[in-house]
Amino acid sequence: MASAITTLAADAPTLSAANTGFMLICSALVMLMTPGLAFFYGGMVRVKSSLNMLMMSFISLGIVTILWVLYGFSLAFGTDSGSLIGWSSDYV
């Protein structure tokens, strides 16, 4: 019994500070890209529609975040099916 617990503890994945930091920096850059895109699209429409365009960009950021949590994580990190795409009901 003790050897099984030791084996499970040895197989546990470890977190890398470099990988975690890289993912946090990339996520922050994507979050900073959203206001820039919103202002770009806001400049392409009339003045009366600019606030609407800004809000659509920020609302889409929220919707995409929710969809990533619900489906994207499982597709990206689930067990692969034919080396094409992954899915795991454990993440959903």
C-alpha atoms as a PDB file:
ATOM      1  CA  MET A   1       0.000   0.000   0.000  1.00  0.00           C
ATOM      2  CA  ALA A   2       2.804   2.400   0.860  1.00  0.00           C
ATOM      3  CA  SER A   3       4.573   1.723  -2.437  1.00  0.00           C
ATOM      4  CA  ALA A   4       1.403   2.593  -4.385  1.00  0.00           C
ATOM      5  CA  ILE A   5       1.144   5.933  -2.600  1.00  0.00           C
ATOM      6  CA  THR A   6       4.821   6.618  -3.231  1.00  0.00           C
ATOM      7  CA  THR A   7       4.367   5.791  -6.924  1.00  0.00           C
ATOM      8  CA  LEU A   8       1.392   8.140  -7.213  1.00  0.00           C
ATOM      9  CA  ALA A   9       3.319  10.915  -5.499  1.00  0.00           C
ATOM     10  CA  ALA A  10       6.282  10.402  -7.823  1.00  0.00           C
ATOM     11  CA  ASP A  11       4.070  10.567 -10.940  1.00  0.00           C
ATOM     12  CA  ALA A  12       2.401  13.835  -9.923  1.00  0.00           C
ATOM     13  CA  PRO A  13       3.113  16.630 -12.403  1.00  0.00           C
ATOM     14  CA  THR A  14       5.170  19.547 -11.204  1.00  0.00           C
ATOM     15  CA  LEU A  15       4.575  23.180 -12.025  1.00  0.00           C
ATOM     16  CA  SER A  16       7.282  25.072 -13.821  1.00  0.00           C
ATOM     17  CA  ALA A  17       7.667  28.710 -12.813  1.00  0.00           C
ATOM     18  CA  ALA A  18       8.836  29.636 -16.308  1.00  0.00           C
ATOM     19  CA  ASN A  19       5.842  28.016 -18.029  1.00  0.00           C
ATOM     20  CA  THR A  20       3.382  29.535 -15.587  1.00  0.00           C
ATOM     21  CA  GLY A  21       4.933  32.979 -15.936  1.00  0.00           C
ATOM     22  CA  PHE A  22       4.907  32.736 -19.722  1.00  0.00           C
ATOM     23  CA  MET A  23       1.213  31.824 -19.758  1.00  0.00           C
ATOM     24  CA  LEU A  24       0.372  34.689 -17.386  1.00  0.00           C
ATOM     25  CA  ILE A  25       2.270  37.201 -19.520  1.00  0.00           C
ATOM     26  CA  CYS A  26       0.621  35.952 -22.718  1.00  0.00           C
ATOM     27  CA  SER A  27      -2.817  36.098 -21.113  1.00  0.00           C
ATOM     28  CA  ALA A  28      -2.192  39.646 -19.905  1.00  0.00           C
ATOM     29  CA  LEU A  29      -1.113  40.712 -23.393  1.00  0.00           C
ATOM     30  CA  VAL A  30      -4.303  39.288 -24.889  1.00  0.00           C
ATOM     31  CA  MET A  31      -6.355  41.119 -22.265  1.00  0.00           C
ATOM     32  CA  LEU A  32      -4.532  44.359 -23.132  1.00  0.00           C
ATOM     33  CA  MET A  33      -5.195  43.771 -26.812  1.00  0.00           C
ATOM     34  CA  THR A  34      -8.969  43.935 -26.308  1.00  0.00           C
ATOM     35  CA  PRO A  35      -9.204  47.671 -25.451  1.00  0.00           C
ATOM     36  CA  GLY A  36      -6.917  48.470 -28.379  1.00  0.00           C
ATOM     37  CA  LEU A  37      -9.151  46.535 -30.734  1.00  0.00           C
ATOM     38  CA  ALA A  38     -12.214  48.190 -29.215  1.00  0.00           C
ATOM     39  CA  PHE A  39     -10.782  51.664 -29.803  1.00  0.00           C
ATOM     40  CA  PHE A  40      -9.771  50.700 -33.339  1.00  0.00           C
ATOM     41  CA  TYR A  41     -13.284  49.525 -34.164  1.00  0.00           C
ATOM     42  CA  GLY A  42     -14.741  52.529 -32.332  1.00  0.00           C
ATOM     43  CA  GLY A  43     -12.775  54.822 -34.622  1.00  0.00           C
ATOM     44  CA  MET A  44     -14.185  53.160 -37.715  1.00  0.00           C
ATOM     45  CA  VAL A  45     -17.831  53.974 -36.942  1.00  0.00           C
ATOM     46  CA  ARG A  46     -19.786  57.173 -36.421  1.00  0.00           C
ATOM     47  CA  VAL A  47     -19.533  59.003 -33.116  1.00  0.00           C
ATOM     48  CA  LYS A  48     -23.017  57.949 -32.037  1.00  0.00           C
ATOM     49  CA  SER A  49     -22.105  54.260 -32.496  1.00  0.00           C
ATOM     50  CA  SER A  50     -18.646  54.307 -30.918  1.00  0.00           C
ATOM     51  CA  LEU A  51     -19.808  53.419 -27.393  1.00  0.00           C
ATOM     52  CA  ASN A  52     -21.827  50.531 -28.797  1.00  0.00           C
ATOM     53  CA  MET A  53     -18.755  49.240 -30.636  1.00  0.00           C
ATOM     54  CA  LEU A  54     -16.602  49.523 -27.500  1.00  0.00           C
ATOM     55  CA  MET A  55     -19.140  47.614 -25.434  1.00  0.00           C
ATOM     56  CA  MET A  56     -19.457  44.874 -28.054  1.00  0.00           C
ATOM     57  CA  SER A  57     -15.708  44.282 -27.891  1.00  0.00           C
ATOM     58  CA  PHE A  58     -15.691  44.003 -24.107  1.00  0.00           C
ATOM     59  CA  ILE A  59     -18.806  41.829 -24.002  1.00  0.00           C
ATOM     60  CA  SER A  60     -17.284  39.485 -26.569  1.00  0.00           C
ATOM     61  CA  LEU A  61     -14.230  39.154 -24.306  1.00  0.00           C
ATOM     62  CA  GLY A  62     -16.507  37.962 -21.502  1.00  0.00           C
ATOM     63  CA  ILE A  63     -18.393  35.537 -23.729  1.00  0.00           C
ATOM     64  CA  VAL A  64     -15.191  34.048 -25.132  1.00  0.00           C
ATOM     65  CA  THR A  65     -13.819  33.634 -21.602  1.00  0.00           C
ATOM     66  CA  ILE A  66     -16.907  31.704 -20.527  1.00  0.00           C
ATOM     67  CA  LEU A  67     -16.787  29.511 -23.644  1.00  0.00           C
ATOM     68  CA  TRP A  68     -13.099  28.778 -23.035  1.00  0.00           C
ATOM     69  CA  VAL A  69     -13.835  27.676 -19.480  1.00  0.00           C
ATOM     70  CA  LEU A  70     -16.766  25.509 -20.564  1.00  0.00           C
ATOM     71  CA  TYR A  71     -15.377  23.893 -23.726  1.00  0.00           C
ATOM     72  CA  GLY A  72     -11.986  25.181 -24.835  1.00  0.00           C
ATOM     73  CA  PHE A  73      -9.915  23.876 -21.942  1.00  0.00           C
ATOM     74  CA  SER A  74     -11.263  20.381 -22.435  1.00  0.00           C
ATOM     75  CA  LEU A  75     -10.607  20.499 -26.178  1.00  0.00           C
ATOM     76  CA  ALA A  76      -7.085  21.804 -25.691  1.00  0.00           C
ATOM     77  CA  PHE A  77      -5.930  19.634 -22.800  1.00  0.00           C
ATOM     78  CA  GLY A  78      -8.173  16.558 -22.949  1.00  0.00           C
ATOM     79  CA  THR A  79      -7.120  13.157 -24.169  1.00  0.00           C
ATOM     80  CA  ASP A  80      -6.618  13.219 -27.914  1.00  0.00           C
ATOM     81  CA  SER A  81      -8.746  11.345 -30.378  1.00  0.00           C
ATOM     82  CA  GLY A  82      -6.773  10.344 -33.438  1.00  0.00           C
ATOM     83  CA  SER A  83      -4.128  13.025 -32.757  1.00  0.00           C
ATOM     84  CA  LEU A  84      -6.537  15.687 -33.963  1.00  0.00           C
ATOM     85  CA  ILE A  85      -8.403  17.149 -31.013  1.00  0.00           C
ATOM     86  CA  GLY A  86      -8.854  16.265 -27.385  1.00  0.00           C
ATOM     87  CA  TRP A  87     -11.896  15.888 -25.210  1.00  0.00           C
ATOM     88  CA  SER A  88     -12.377  14.820 -21.649  1.00  0.00           C
ATOM     89  CA  SER A  89     -15.618  14.909 -19.733  1.00  0.00           C
ATOM     90  CA  ASP A  90     -13.574  15.310 -16.547  1.00  0.00           C
ATOM     91  CA  TYR A  91     -12.960  18.973 -17.416  1.00  0.00           C
ATOM     92  CA  VAL A  92     -16.551  19.828 -18.338  1.00  0.00           C
END
